[in-house]
Amino acid sequence: MAFIADIVFDSGLSYITTNADRVDICSAEPTTYTLATVTNTLGNETTITTTGPVDADTGSGRRAVIDAITSGTVTGTGTADSWGVSYVTGTALLAAGQLTGSQAVTNGNTFTLDAISIYIRDAT
């Protein structure tokens, strides 16, 4: 089994905790900054808090956590099924994933989102 020290994982996760400044809910899982913030976005929150890196809560590895969102702004109408975490100043998508369940949203409303854990798993 390969070994990678936590500090290696922490470098990437620290970049997320230091620079992440926007979370979007999206109609499809984004793979670029533009997809996350323009093409697929249905809403966003720019007041976010991140913690970590810390040990993974399940399995092995490390994680960074984006705290729960309680008052995100819905900017489009559609079905949100994924999220994207971005660094706006660097115009970079830092992480993306699927929501635990899709949700219909309507422009002008607000959204909530459970905390997001971003994992880097130990090498096997």
PDB file of N, CA and C in Angstrom:
ATOM      1  N   MET A   1       0.841  -1.179   0.000  1.00  0.00           N
ATOM      2  CA  MET A   1       0.000   0.000   0.000  1.00  0.00           C
ATOM      3  C   MET A   1       0.885   1.241   0.000  1.00  0.00           C
ATOM      4  N   ALA A   2       0.523   2.215  -0.796  1.00  0.00           N
ATOM      5  CA  ALA A   2       1.272   3.467  -0.880  1.00  0.00           C
ATOM      6  C   ALA A   2       0.997   4.328   0.354  1.00  0.00           C
ATOM      7  N   PHE A   3       1.962   5.182   0.702  1.00  0.00           N
ATOM      8  CA  PHE A   3       1.801   6.110   1.810  1.00  0.00           C
ATOM      9  C   PHE A   3       1.993   7.524   1.290  1.00  0.00           C
ATOM     10  N   ILE A   4       1.074   8.417   1.659  1.00  0.00           N
ATOM     11  CA  ILE A   4       1.199   9.840   1.366  1.00  0.00           C
ATOM     12  C   ILE A   4       0.928  10.572   2.671  1.00  0.00           C
ATOM     13  N   ALA A   5       1.837  11.439   3.077  1.00  0.00           N
ATOM     14  CA  ALA A   5       1.707  12.165   4.344  1.00  0.00           C
ATOM     15  C   ALA A   5       0.537  13.148   4.302  1.00  0.00           C
ATOM     16  N   ASP A   6      -0.104  13.350   5.460  1.00  0.00           N
ATOM     17  CA  ASP A   6      -1.243  14.273   5.556  1.00  0.00           C
ATOM     18  C   ASP A   6      -0.901  15.658   5.017  1.00  0.00           C
ATOM     19  N   ILE A   7       0.311  16.122   5.226  1.00  0.00           N
ATOM     20  CA  ILE A   7       0.686  17.467   4.775  1.00  0.00           C
ATOM     21  C   ILE A   7       0.537  17.634   3.265  1.00  0.00           C
ATOM     22  N   VAL A   8       0.703  16.553   2.524  1.00  0.00           N
ATOM     23  CA  VAL A   8       0.526  16.612   1.069  1.00  0.00           C
ATOM     24  C   VAL A   8      -0.953  16.854   0.751  1.00  0.00           C
ATOM     25  N   PHE A   9      -1.829  16.082   1.368  1.00  0.00           N
ATOM     26  CA  PHE A   9      -3.264  16.287   1.175  1.00  0.00           C
ATOM     27  C   PHE A   9      -3.671  17.672   1.670  1.00  0.00           C
ATOM     28  N   ASP A  10      -3.134  18.061   2.812  1.00  0.00           N
ATOM     29  CA  ASP A  10      -3.512  19.329   3.426  1.00  0.00           C
ATOM     30  C   ASP A  10      -3.185  20.527   2.546  1.00  0.00           C
ATOM     31  N   SER A  11      -2.166  20.432   1.737  1.00  0.00           N
ATOM     32  CA  SER A  11      -1.810  21.551   0.861  1.00  0.00           C
ATOM     33  C   SER A  11      -2.960  21.875  -0.091  1.00  0.00           C
ATOM     34  N   GLY A  12      -3.530  20.859  -0.715  1.00  0.00           N
ATOM     35  CA  GLY A  12      -4.659  21.086  -1.612  1.00  0.00           C
ATOM     36  C   GLY A  12      -5.896  21.546  -0.874  1.00  0.00           C
ATOM     37  N   LEU A  13      -6.176  20.913   0.243  1.00  0.00           N
ATOM     38  CA  LEU A  13      -7.358  21.291   1.020  1.00  0.00           C
ATOM     39  C   LEU A  13      -7.213  22.681   1.635  1.00  0.00           C
ATOM     40  N   SER A  14      -6.008  23.046   2.035  1.00  0.00           N
ATOM     41  CA  SER A  14      -5.769  24.393   2.569  1.00  0.00           C
ATOM     42  C   SER A  14      -6.031  25.448   1.509  1.00  0.00           C
ATOM     43  N   TYR A  15      -5.704  25.141   0.258  1.00  0.00           N
ATOM     44  CA  TYR A  15      -5.989  26.077  -0.836  1.00  0.00           C
ATOM     45  C   TYR A  15      -7.492  26.334  -0.917  1.00  0.00           C
ATOM     46  N   ILE A  16      -8.279  25.283  -0.757  1.00  0.00           N
ATOM     47  CA  ILE A  16      -9.736  25.443  -0.778  1.00  0.00           C
ATOM     48  C   ILE A  16     -10.198  26.277   0.412  1.00  0.00           C
ATOM     49  N   THR A  17      -9.746  25.952   1.623  1.00  0.00           N
ATOM     50  CA  THR A  17     -10.225  26.679   2.797  1.00  0.00           C
ATOM     51  C   THR A  17      -9.786  28.145   2.780  1.00  0.00           C
ATOM     52  N   THR A  18      -8.647  28.422   2.167  1.00  0.00           N
ATOM     53  CA  THR A  18      -8.151  29.799   2.095  1.00  0.00           C
ATOM     54  C   THR A  18      -8.858  30.605   1.008  1.00  0.00           C
ATOM     55  N   ASN A  19      -9.173  29.984  -0.130  1.00  0.00           N
ATOM     56  CA  ASN A  19      -9.627  30.735  -1.301  1.00  0.00           C
ATOM     57  C   ASN A  19     -11.086  30.569  -1.699  1.00  0.00           C
ATOM     58  N   ALA A  20     -11.753  29.543  -1.258  1.00  0.00           N
ATOM     59  CA  ALA A  20     -13.156  29.347  -1.651  1.00  0.00           C
ATOM     60  C   ALA A  20     -13.990  30.529  -1.171  1.00  0.00           C
ATOM     61  N   ASP A  21     -14.723  31.138  -2.098  1.00  0.00           N
ATOM     62  CA  ASP A  21     -15.524  32.298  -1.714  1.00  0.00           C
ATOM     63  C   ASP A  21     -16.897  32.332  -2.378  1.00  0.00           C
ATOM     64  N   ARG A  22     -17.276  31.213  -3.009  1.00  0.00           N
ATOM     65  CA  ARG A  22     -18.606  31.157  -3.630  1.00  0.00           C
ATOM     66  C   ARG A  22     -19.034  29.698  -3.756  1.00  0.00           C
ATOM     67  N   VAL A  23     -20.298  29.446  -3.427  1.00  0.00           N
ATOM     68  CA  VAL A  23     -20.904  28.134  -3.650  1.00  0.00           C
ATOM     69  C   VAL A  23     -22.114  28.347  -4.552  1.00  0.00           C
ATOM     70  N   ASP A  24     -22.178  27.590  -5.644  1.00  0.00           N
ATOM     71  CA  ASP A  24     -23.321  27.634  -6.556  1.00  0.00           C
ATOM     72  C   ASP A  24     -24.089  26.325  -6.482  1.00  0.00           C
ATOM     73  N   ILE A  25     -25.419  26.414  -6.573  1.00  0.00           N
ATOM     74  CA  ILE A  25     -26.220  25.224  -6.837  1.00  0.00           C
ATOM     75  C   ILE A  25     -26.433  25.217  -8.346  1.00  0.00           C
ATOM     76  N   CYS A  26     -26.331  24.040  -8.940  1.00  0.00           N
ATOM     77  CA  CYS A  26     -26.287  23.956 -10.400  1.00  0.00           C
ATOM     78  C   CYS A  26     -27.272  22.930 -10.950  1.00  0.00           C
ATOM     79  N   SER A  27     -27.638  23.112 -12.220  1.00  0.00           N
ATOM     80  CA  SER A  27     -28.549  22.206 -12.911  1.00  0.00           C
ATOM     81  C   SER A  27     -27.824  20.970 -13.433  1.00  0.00           C
ATOM     82  N   ALA A  28     -26.512  21.008 -13.499  1.00  0.00           N
ATOM     83  CA  ALA A  28     -25.679  19.872 -13.901  1.00  0.00           C
ATOM     84  C   ALA A  28     -24.322  20.075 -13.244  1.00  0.00           C
ATOM     85  N   GLU A  29     -23.643  18.968 -12.907  1.00  0.00           N
ATOM     86  CA  GLU A  29     -22.362  19.082 -12.206  1.00  0.00           C
ATOM     87  C   GLU A  29     -21.345  19.828 -13.065  1.00  0.00           C
ATOM     88  N   PRO A  30     -20.826  20.937 -12.557  1.00  0.00           N
ATOM     89  CA  PRO A  30     -19.891  21.739 -13.348  1.00  0.00           C
ATOM     90  C   PRO A  30     -18.482  21.138 -13.374  1.00  0.00           C
ATOM     91  N   THR A  31     -17.777  21.396 -14.463  1.00  0.00           N
ATOM     92  CA  THR A  31     -16.387  20.971 -14.594  1.00  0.00           C
ATOM     93  C   THR A  31     -15.461  22.148 -14.858  1.00  0.00           C
ATOM     94  N   THR A  32     -16.034  23.349 -14.979  1.00  0.00           N
ATOM     95  CA  THR A  32     -15.251  24.572 -15.171  1.00  0.00           C
ATOM     96  C   THR A  32     -15.884  25.694 -14.362  1.00  0.00           C
ATOM     97  N   TYR A  33     -15.121  26.753 -14.174  1.00  0.00           N
ATOM     98  CA  TYR A  33     -15.616  27.933 -13.460  1.00  0.00           C
ATOM     99  C   TYR A  33     -16.841  28.518 -14.166  1.00  0.00           C
ATOM    100  N   THR A  34     -16.792  28.632 -15.490  1.00  0.00           N
ATOM    101  CA  THR A  34     -17.906  29.207 -16.247  1.00  0.00           C
ATOM    102  C   THR A  34     -19.165  28.354 -16.126  1.00  0.00           C
ATOM    103  N   LEU A  35     -19.009  27.040 -16.182  1.00  0.00           N
ATOM    104  CA  LEU A  35     -20.177  26.171 -16.001  1.00  0.00           C
ATOM    105  C   LEU A  35     -20.780  26.350 -14.613  1.00  0.00           C
ATOM    106  N   ALA A  36     -19.932  26.486 -13.601  1.00  0.00           N
ATOM    107  CA  ALA A  36     -20.423  26.624 -12.223  1.00  0.00           C
ATOM    108  C   ALA A  36     -21.103  27.957 -11.983  1.00  0.00           C
ATOM    109  N   THR A  37     -20.561  29.032 -12.510  1.00  0.00           N
ATOM    110  CA  THR A  37     -21.019  30.369 -12.131  1.00  0.00           C
ATOM    111  C   THR A  37     -21.892  31.071 -13.166  1.00  0.00           C
ATOM    112  N   VAL A  38     -21.955  30.515 -14.391  1.00  0.00           N
ATOM    113  CA  VAL A  38     -22.759  31.163 -15.432  1.00  0.00           C
ATOM    114  C   VAL A  38     -23.733  30.175 -16.078  1.00  0.00           C
ATOM    115  N   THR A  39     -23.202  29.178 -16.731  1.00  0.00           N
ATOM    116  CA  THR A  39     -24.017  28.289 -17.563  1.00  0.00           C
ATOM    117  C   THR A  39     -24.997  27.439 -16.768  1.00  0.00           C
ATOM    118  N   ASN A  40     -24.526  26.766 -15.709  1.00  0.00           N
ATOM    119  CA  ASN A  40     -25.364  25.822 -14.969  1.00  0.00           C
ATOM    120  C   ASN A  40     -25.881  26.349 -13.640  1.00  0.00           C
ATOM    121  N   THR A  41     -25.496  27.552 -13.262  1.00  0.00           N
ATOM    122  CA  THR A  41     -25.893  28.042 -11.938  1.00  0.00           C
ATOM    123  C   THR A  41     -27.392  28.331 -11.859  1.00  0.00           C
ATOM    124  N   LEU A  42     -27.953  27.977 -10.714  1.00  0.00           N
ATOM    125  CA  LEU A  42     -29.335  28.322 -10.401  1.00  0.00           C
ATOM    126  C   LEU A  42     -29.401  29.194  -9.153  1.00  0.00           C
ATOM    127  N   GLY A  43     -28.246  29.429  -8.534  1.00  0.00           N
ATOM    128  CA  GLY A  43     -28.190  30.264  -7.344  1.00  0.00           C
ATOM    129  C   GLY A  43     -26.828  30.165  -6.707  1.00  0.00           C
ATOM    130  N   ASN A  44     -26.540  31.112  -5.799  1.00  0.00           N
ATOM    131  CA  ASN A  44     -25.227  31.101  -5.169  1.00  0.00           C
ATOM    132  C   ASN A  44     -25.246  31.763  -3.809  1.00  0.00           C
ATOM    133  N   GLU A  45     -24.174  31.526  -3.093  1.00  0.00           N
ATOM    134  CA  GLU A  45     -23.917  32.177  -1.805  1.00  0.00           C
ATOM    135  C   GLU A  45     -22.444  32.576  -1.800  1.00  0.00           C
ATOM    136  N   THR A  46     -22.178  33.825  -1.440  1.00  0.00           N
ATOM    137  CA  THR A  46     -20.796  34.316  -1.423  1.00  0.00           C
ATOM    138  C   THR A  46     -20.281  34.596  -0.018  1.00  0.00           C
ATOM    139  N   THR A  47     -21.110  34.396   0.981  1.00  0.00           N
ATOM    140  CA  THR A  47     -20.664  34.523   2.365  1.00  0.00           C
ATOM    141  C   THR A  47     -20.559  33.112   2.914  1.00  0.00           C
ATOM    142  N   ILE A  48     -19.366  32.503   2.759  1.00  0.00           N
ATOM    143  CA  ILE A  48     -19.197  31.117   3.180  1.00  0.00           C
ATOM    144  C   ILE A  48     -18.064  31.011   4.189  1.00  0.00           C
ATOM    145  N   THR A  49     -18.160  29.989   5.011  1.00  0.00           N
ATOM    146  CA  THR A  49     -17.134  29.704   6.003  1.00  0.00           C
ATOM    147  C   THR A  49     -16.601  28.305   5.741  1.00  0.00           C
ATOM    148  N   THR A  50     -15.286  28.173   5.763  1.00  0.00           N
ATOM    149  CA  THR A  50     -14.666  26.867   5.538  1.00  0.00           C
ATOM    150  C   THR A  50     -13.796  26.504   6.734  1.00  0.00           C
ATOM    151  N   THR A  51     -13.680  25.208   6.979  1.00  0.00           N
ATOM    152  CA  THR A  51     -12.797  24.714   8.032  1.00  0.00           C
ATOM    153  C   THR A  51     -11.980  23.553   7.489  1.00  0.00           C
ATOM    154  N   GLY A  52     -10.895  23.292   8.158  1.00  0.00           N
ATOM    155  CA  GLY A  52     -10.035  22.172   7.766  1.00  0.00           C
ATOM    156  C   GLY A  52      -8.698  22.688   7.308  1.00  0.00           C
ATOM    157  N   PRO A  53      -7.885  21.795   6.886  1.00  0.00           N
ATOM    158  CA  PRO A  53      -8.116  20.366   6.730  1.00  0.00           C
ATOM    159  C   PRO A  53      -8.130  19.629   8.064  1.00  0.00           C
ATOM    160  N   VAL A  54      -8.962  18.597   8.103  1.00  0.00           N
ATOM    161  CA  VAL A  54      -9.107  17.738   9.273  1.00  0.00           C
ATOM    162  C   VAL A  54      -9.189  16.294   8.791  1.00  0.00           C
ATOM    163  N   ASP A  55      -9.100  15.362   9.735  1.00  0.00           N
ATOM    164  CA  ASP A  55      -9.258  13.957   9.373  1.00  0.00           C
ATOM    165  C   ASP A  55     -10.623  13.728   8.746  1.00  0.00           C
ATOM    166  N   ALA A  56     -10.681  12.811   7.795  1.00  0.00           N
ATOM    167  CA  ALA A  56     -11.959  12.422   7.195  1.00  0.00           C
ATOM    168  C   ALA A  56     -12.865  11.856   8.283  1.00  0.00           C
ATOM    169  N   ASP A  57     -14.153  12.115   8.174  1.00  0.00           N
ATOM    170  CA  ASP A  57     -15.089  11.612   9.179  1.00  0.00           C
ATOM    171  C   ASP A  57     -15.467  10.154   8.941  1.00  0.00           C
ATOM    172  N   THR A  58     -15.307   9.673   7.738  1.00  0.00           N
ATOM    173  CA  THR A  58     -15.523   8.259   7.418  1.00  0.00           C
ATOM    174  C   THR A  58     -14.367   7.795   6.552  1.00  0.00           C
ATOM    175  N   GLY A  59     -13.931   6.576   6.732  1.00  0.00           N
ATOM    176  CA  GLY A  59     -12.818   6.077   5.943  1.00  0.00           C
ATOM    177  C   GLY A  59     -11.528   6.746   6.351  1.00  0.00           C
ATOM    178  N   SER A  60     -10.576   6.782   5.442  1.00  0.00           N
ATOM    179  CA  SER A  60      -9.294   7.405   5.740  1.00  0.00           C
ATOM    180  C   SER A  60      -9.030   8.540   4.773  1.00  0.00           C
ATOM    181  N   GLY A  61      -8.210   9.455   5.183  1.00  0.00           N
ATOM    182  CA  GLY A  61      -7.895  10.610   4.359  1.00  0.00           C
ATOM    183  C   GLY A  61      -8.135  11.895   5.116  1.00  0.00           C
ATOM    184  N   ARG A  62      -8.279  12.962   4.373  1.00  0.00           N
ATOM    185  CA  ARG A  62      -8.451  14.300   4.936  1.00  0.00           C
ATOM    186  C   ARG A  62      -9.622  14.971   4.240  1.00  0.00           C
ATOM    187  N   ARG A  63     -10.134  16.050   4.871  1.00  0.00           N
ATOM    188  CA  ARG A  63     -11.243  16.772   4.267  1.00  0.00           C
ATOM    189  C   ARG A  63     -11.225  18.239   4.660  1.00  0.00           C
ATOM    190  N   ALA A  64     -11.847  19.042   3.834  1.00  0.00           N
ATOM    191  CA  ALA A  64     -12.163  20.432   4.123  1.00  0.00           C
ATOM    192  C   ALA A  64     -13.687  20.510   4.155  1.00  0.00           C
ATOM    193  N   VAL A  65     -14.233  21.428   4.948  1.00  0.00           N
ATOM    194  CA  VAL A  65     -15.683  21.515   5.101  1.00  0.00           C
ATOM    195  C   VAL A  65     -16.151  22.934   4.798  1.00  0.00           C
ATOM    196  N   ILE A  66     -17.147  23.028   3.931  1.00  0.00           N
ATOM    197  CA  ILE A  66     -17.855  24.287   3.695  1.00  0.00           C
ATOM    198  C   ILE A  66     -19.072  24.231   4.612  1.00  0.00           C
ATOM    199  N   ASP A  67     -19.183  25.184   5.533  1.00  0.00           N
ATOM    200  CA  ASP A  67     -20.296  25.178   6.484  1.00  0.00           C
ATOM    201  C   ASP A  67     -21.639  25.278   5.767  1.00  0.00           C
ATOM    202  N   ALA A  68     -22.687  24.817   6.431  1.00  0.00           N
ATOM    203  CA  ALA A  68     -24.041  24.850   5.874  1.00  0.00           C
ATOM    204  C   ALA A  68     -24.413  26.263   5.437  1.00  0.00           C
ATOM    205  N   ILE A  69     -25.188  26.339   4.387  1.00  0.00           N
ATOM    206  CA  ILE A  69     -25.677  27.616   3.861  1.00  0.00           C
ATOM    207  C   ILE A  69     -27.149  27.733   4.251  1.00  0.00           C
ATOM    208  N   THR A  70     -27.508  28.883   4.818  1.00  0.00           N
ATOM    209  CA  THR A  70     -28.880  29.057   5.297  1.00  0.00           C
ATOM    210  C   THR A  70     -29.681  30.073   4.495  1.00  0.00           C
ATOM    211  N   SER A  71     -29.014  30.880   3.668  1.00  0.00           N
ATOM    212  CA  SER A  71     -29.773  31.909   2.934  1.00  0.00           C
ATOM    213  C   SER A  71     -29.131  32.229   1.589  1.00  0.00           C
ATOM    214  N   GLY A  72     -28.904  31.188   0.773  1.00  0.00           N
ATOM    215  CA  GLY A  72     -28.375  31.410  -0.564  1.00  0.00           C
ATOM    216  C   GLY A  72     -29.436  32.037  -1.461  1.00  0.00           C
ATOM    217  N   THR A  73     -29.013  32.745  -2.473  1.00  0.00           N
ATOM    218  CA  THR A  73     -29.921  33.428  -3.389  1.00  0.00           C
ATOM    219  C   THR A  73     -30.149  32.588  -4.638  1.00  0.00           C
ATOM    220  N   VAL A  74     -31.417  32.283  -4.925  1.00  0.00           N
ATOM    221  CA  VAL A  74     -31.754  31.571  -6.156  1.00  0.00           C
ATOM    222  C   VAL A  74     -31.851  32.598  -7.278  1.00  0.00           C
ATOM    223  N   THR A  75     -31.119  32.343  -8.362  1.00  0.00           N
ATOM    224  CA  THR A  75     -31.042  33.295  -9.472  1.00  0.00           C
ATOM    225  C   THR A  75     -31.626  32.742 -10.770  1.00  0.00           C
ATOM    226  N   GLY A  76     -32.136  31.522 -10.728  1.00  0.00           N
ATOM    227  CA  GLY A  76     -32.736  30.903 -11.908  1.00  0.00           C
ATOM    228  C   GLY A  76     -33.808  29.928 -11.484  1.00  0.00           C
ATOM    229  N   THR A  77     -34.580  29.466 -12.443  1.00  0.00           N
ATOM    230  CA  THR A  77     -35.625  28.485 -12.170  1.00  0.00           C
ATOM    231  C   THR A  77     -35.247  27.179 -12.847  1.00  0.00           C
ATOM    232  N   GLY A  78     -35.317  26.089 -12.093  1.00  0.00           N
ATOM    233  CA  GLY A  78     -34.958  24.787 -12.645  1.00  0.00           C
ATOM    234  C   GLY A  78     -34.782  23.781 -11.529  1.00  0.00           C
ATOM    235  N   THR A  79     -34.072  22.703 -11.833  1.00  0.00           N
ATOM    236  CA  THR A  79     -33.825  21.653 -10.848  1.00  0.00           C
ATOM    237  C   THR A  79     -32.340  21.619 -10.516  1.00  0.00           C
ATOM    238  N   ALA A  80     -32.020  21.907  -9.272  1.00  0.00           N
ATOM    239  CA  ALA A  80     -30.637  21.873  -8.799  1.00  0.00           C
ATOM    240  C   ALA A  80     -30.297  20.439  -8.417  1.00  0.00           C
ATOM    241  N   ASP A  81     -29.187  19.924  -8.954  1.00  0.00           N
ATOM    242  CA  ASP A  81     -28.781  18.561  -8.599  1.00  0.00           C
ATOM    243  C   ASP A  81     -27.312  18.458  -8.216  1.00  0.00           C
ATOM    244  N   SER A  82     -26.613  19.591  -8.241  1.00  0.00           N
ATOM    245  CA  SER A  82     -25.188  19.555  -7.927  1.00  0.00           C
ATOM    246  C   SER A  82     -24.741  20.898  -7.368  1.00  0.00           C
ATOM    247  N   TRP A  83     -23.480  20.936  -6.937  1.00  0.00           N
ATOM    248  CA  TRP A  83     -22.903  22.149  -6.368  1.00  0.00           C
ATOM    249  C   TRP A  83     -21.508  22.369  -6.950  1.00  0.00           C
ATOM    250  N   GLY A  84     -21.072  23.601  -6.893  1.00  0.00           N
ATOM    251  CA  GLY A  84     -19.706  23.951  -7.274  1.00  0.00           C
ATOM    252  C   GLY A  84     -19.168  24.959  -6.281  1.00  0.00           C
ATOM    253  N   VAL A  85     -17.910  24.780  -5.876  1.00  0.00           N
ATOM    254  CA  VAL A  85     -17.235  25.705  -4.967  1.00  0.00           C
ATOM    255  C   VAL A  85     -16.154  26.406  -5.782  1.00  0.00           C
ATOM    256  N   SER A  86     -16.179  27.727  -5.774  1.00  0.00           N
ATOM    257  CA  SER A  86     -15.270  28.492  -6.634  1.00  0.00           C
ATOM    258  C   SER A  86     -14.440  29.501  -5.870  1.00  0.00           C
ATOM    259  N   TYR A  87     -13.359  29.911  -6.528  1.00  0.00           N
ATOM    260  CA  TYR A  87     -12.486  31.009  -6.109  1.00  0.00           C
ATOM    261  C   TYR A  87     -12.690  32.087  -7.162  1.00  0.00           C
ATOM    262  N   VAL A  88     -13.518  33.087  -6.837  1.00  0.00           N
ATOM    263  CA  VAL A  88     -13.932  34.083  -7.820  1.00  0.00           C
ATOM    264  C   VAL A  88     -12.755  34.903  -8.333  1.00  0.00           C
ATOM    265  N   THR A  89     -11.901  35.402  -7.440  1.00  0.00           N
ATOM    266  CA  THR A  89     -10.771  36.229  -7.869  1.00  0.00           C
ATOM    267  C   THR A  89      -9.867  35.474  -8.841  1.00  0.00           C
ATOM    268  N   GLY A  90      -9.681  34.186  -8.592  1.00  0.00           N
ATOM    269  CA  GLY A  90      -8.846  33.368  -9.463  1.00  0.00           C
ATOM    270  C   GLY A  90      -9.612  32.732 -10.605  1.00  0.00           C
ATOM    271  N   THR A  91     -10.898  33.056 -10.749  1.00  0.00           N
ATOM    272  CA  THR A  91     -11.788  32.455 -11.742  1.00  0.00           C
ATOM    273  C   THR A  91     -11.539  30.952 -11.867  1.00  0.00           C
ATOM    274  N   ALA A  92     -11.599  30.258 -10.718  1.00  0.00           N
ATOM    275  CA  ALA A  92     -11.312  28.829 -10.695  1.00  0.00           C
ATOM    276  C   ALA A  92     -12.406  28.058  -9.978  1.00  0.00           C
ATOM    277  N   LEU A  93     -12.817  26.968 -10.587  1.00  0.00           N
ATOM    278  CA  LEU A  93     -13.670  26.008  -9.911  1.00  0.00           C
ATOM    279  C   LEU A  93     -12.755  25.128  -9.072  1.00  0.00           C
ATOM    280  N   LEU A  94     -12.996  25.073  -7.761  1.00  0.00           N
ATOM    281  CA  LEU A  94     -12.124  24.325  -6.859  1.00  0.00           C
ATOM    282  C   LEU A  94     -12.624  22.912  -6.583  1.00  0.00           C
ATOM    283  N   ALA A  95     -13.943  22.723  -6.551  1.00  0.00           N
ATOM    284  CA  ALA A  95     -14.522  21.408  -6.285  1.00  0.00           C
ATOM    285  C   ALA A  95     -15.976  21.423  -6.740  1.00  0.00           C
ATOM    286  N   ALA A  96     -16.491  20.232  -7.042  1.00  0.00           N
ATOM    287  CA  ALA A  96     -17.889  20.103  -7.449  1.00  0.00           C
ATOM    288  C   ALA A  96     -18.368  18.717  -7.060  1.00  0.00           C
ATOM    289  N   GLY A  97     -19.681  18.577  -6.918  1.00  0.00           N
ATOM    290  CA  GLY A  97     -20.246  17.281  -6.583  1.00  0.00           C
ATOM    291  C   GLY A  97     -21.747  17.291  -6.699  1.00  0.00           C
ATOM    292  N   GLN A  98     -22.331  16.136  -6.453  1.00  0.00           N
ATOM    293  CA  GLN A  98     -23.778  15.970  -6.533  1.00  0.00           C
ATOM    294  C   GLN A  98     -24.431  16.306  -5.193  1.00  0.00           C
ATOM    295  N   LEU A  99     -25.603  16.907  -5.241  1.00  0.00           N
ATOM    296  CA  LEU A  99     -26.419  17.097  -4.044  1.00  0.00           C
ATOM    297  C   LEU A  99     -26.956  15.735  -3.619  1.00  0.00           C
ATOM    298  N   THR A 100     -27.334  15.593  -2.366  1.00  0.00           N
ATOM    299  CA  THR A 100     -27.884  14.308  -1.906  1.00  0.00           C
ATOM    300  C   THR A 100     -29.229  14.023  -2.554  1.00  0.00           C
ATOM    301  N   GLY A 101     -29.903  15.036  -3.036  1.00  0.00           N
ATOM    302  CA  GLY A 101     -31.163  14.886  -3.760  1.00  0.00           C
ATOM    303  C   GLY A 101     -31.408  16.130  -4.593  1.00  0.00           C
ATOM    304  N   SER A 102     -32.034  15.971  -5.732  1.00  0.00           N
ATOM    305  CA  SER A 102     -32.313  17.140  -6.561  1.00  0.00           C
ATOM    306  C   SER A 102     -33.461  17.943  -5.949  1.00  0.00           C
ATOM    307  N   GLN A 103     -33.504  19.224  -6.290  1.00  0.00           N
ATOM    308  CA  GLN A 103     -34.506  20.116  -5.706  1.00  0.00           C
ATOM    309  C   GLN A 103     -34.924  21.151  -6.745  1.00  0.00           C
ATOM    310  N   ALA A 104     -36.232  21.305  -6.943  1.00  0.00           N
ATOM    311  CA  ALA A 104     -36.740  22.357  -7.811  1.00  0.00           C
ATOM    312  C   ALA A 104     -36.558  23.697  -7.106  1.00  0.00           C
ATOM    313  N   VAL A 105     -36.064  24.697  -7.833  1.00  0.00           N
ATOM    314  CA  VAL A 105     -35.867  26.038  -7.276  1.00  0.00           C
ATOM    315  C   VAL A 105     -36.485  27.070  -8.210  1.00  0.00           C
ATOM    316  N   THR A 106     -36.866  28.210  -7.636  1.00  0.00           N
ATOM    317  CA  THR A 106     -37.512  29.279  -8.390  1.00  0.00           C
ATOM    318  C   THR A 106     -36.765  30.589  -8.179  1.00  0.00           C
ATOM    319  N   ASN A 107     -36.471  31.265  -9.263  1.00  0.00           N
ATOM    320  CA  ASN A 107     -35.777  32.549  -9.229  1.00  0.00           C
ATOM    321  C   ASN A 107     -36.419  33.484  -8.206  1.00  0.00           C
ATOM    322  N   GLY A 108     -35.582  34.112  -7.385  1.00  0.00           N
ATOM    323  CA  GLY A 108     -36.056  35.060  -6.387  1.00  0.00           C
ATOM    324  C   GLY A 108     -36.196  34.473  -4.994  1.00  0.00           C
ATOM    325  N   ASN A 109     -36.192  33.161  -4.890  1.00  0.00           N
ATOM    326  CA  ASN A 109     -36.292  32.511  -3.586  1.00  0.00           C
ATOM    327  C   ASN A 109     -34.910  32.367  -2.962  1.00  0.00           C
ATOM    328  N   THR A 110     -34.858  31.761  -1.789  1.00  0.00           N
ATOM    329  CA  THR A 110     -33.586  31.446  -1.149  1.00  0.00           C
ATOM    330  C   THR A 110     -33.438  29.930  -1.087  1.00  0.00           C
ATOM    331  N   PHE A 111     -32.204  29.480  -0.860  1.00  0.00           N
ATOM    332  CA  PHE A 111     -31.964  28.051  -0.702  1.00  0.00           C
ATOM    333  C   PHE A 111     -31.092  27.808   0.511  1.00  0.00           C
ATOM    334  N   THR A 112     -31.201  26.596   1.044  1.00  0.00           N
ATOM    335  CA  THR A 112     -30.322  26.144   2.114  1.00  0.00           C
ATOM    336  C   THR A 112     -29.555  24.942   1.587  1.00  0.00           C
ATOM    337  N   LEU A 113     -28.423  24.690   2.201  1.00  0.00           N
ATOM    338  CA  LEU A 113     -27.577  23.582   1.777  1.00  0.00           C
ATOM    339  C   LEU A 113     -26.836  23.065   2.993  1.00  0.00           C
ATOM    340  N   ASP A 114     -26.855  21.755   3.180  1.00  0.00           N
ATOM    341  CA  ASP A 114     -26.092  21.153   4.266  1.00  0.00           C
ATOM    342  C   ASP A 114     -24.607  21.396   4.049  1.00  0.00           C
ATOM    343  N   ALA A 115     -23.832  21.233   5.098  1.00  0.00           N
ATOM    344  CA  ALA A 115     -22.377  21.372   4.989  1.00  0.00           C
ATOM    345  C   ALA A 115     -21.856  20.441   3.892  1.00  0.00           C
ATOM    346  N   ILE A 116     -20.831  20.897   3.199  1.00  0.00           N
ATOM    347  CA  ILE A 116     -20.202  20.120   2.128  1.00  0.00           C
ATOM    348  C   ILE A 116     -18.826  19.694   2.597  1.00  0.00           C
ATOM    349  N   SER A 117     -18.566  18.401   2.575  1.00  0.00           N
ATOM    350  CA  SER A 117     -17.224  17.889   2.878  1.00  0.00           C
ATOM    351  C   SER A 117     -16.521  17.556   1.572  1.00  0.00           C
ATOM    352  N   ILE A 118     -15.311  18.076   1.422  1.00  0.00           N
ATOM    353  CA  ILE A 118     -14.496  17.828   0.235  1.00  0.00           C
ATOM    354  C   ILE A 118     -13.339  16.952   0.681  1.00  0.00           C
ATOM    355  N   TYR A 119     -13.286  15.724   0.160  1.00  0.00           N
ATOM    356  CA  TYR A 119     -12.337  14.713   0.625  1.00  0.00           C
ATOM    357  C   TYR A 119     -11.171  14.506  -0.326  1.00  0.00           C
ATOM    358  N   ILE A 120     -10.029  14.196   0.276  1.00  0.00           N
ATOM    359  CA  ILE A 120      -8.928  13.566  -0.438  1.00  0.00           C
ATOM    360  C   ILE A 120      -8.654  12.284   0.341  1.00  0.00           C
ATOM    361  N   ARG A 121      -8.906  11.158  -0.285  1.00  0.00           N
ATOM    362  CA  ARG A 121      -8.765   9.864   0.380  1.00  0.00           C
ATOM    363  C   ARG A 121      -7.307   9.399   0.377  1.00  0.00           C
ATOM    364  N   ASP A 122      -6.957   8.626   1.413  1.00  0.00           N
ATOM    365  CA  ASP A 122      -5.615   8.053   1.476  1.00  0.00           C
ATOM    366  C   ASP A 122      -5.379   7.127   0.287  1.00  0.00           C
ATOM    367  N   ALA A 123      -4.117   7.039  -0.117  1.00  0.00           N
ATOM    368  CA  ALA A 123      -3.745   6.128  -1.190  1.00  0.00           C
ATOM    369  C   ALA A 123      -3.921   4.681  -0.725  1.00  0.00           C
ATOM    370  N   THR A 124      -4.307   3.821  -1.632  1.00  0.00           N
ATOM    371  CA  THR A 124      -4.458   2.402  -1.293  1.00  0.00           C
ATOM    372  C   THR A 124      -3.611   1.554  -2.193  1.00  0.00           C
TER     373      THR A 124
END
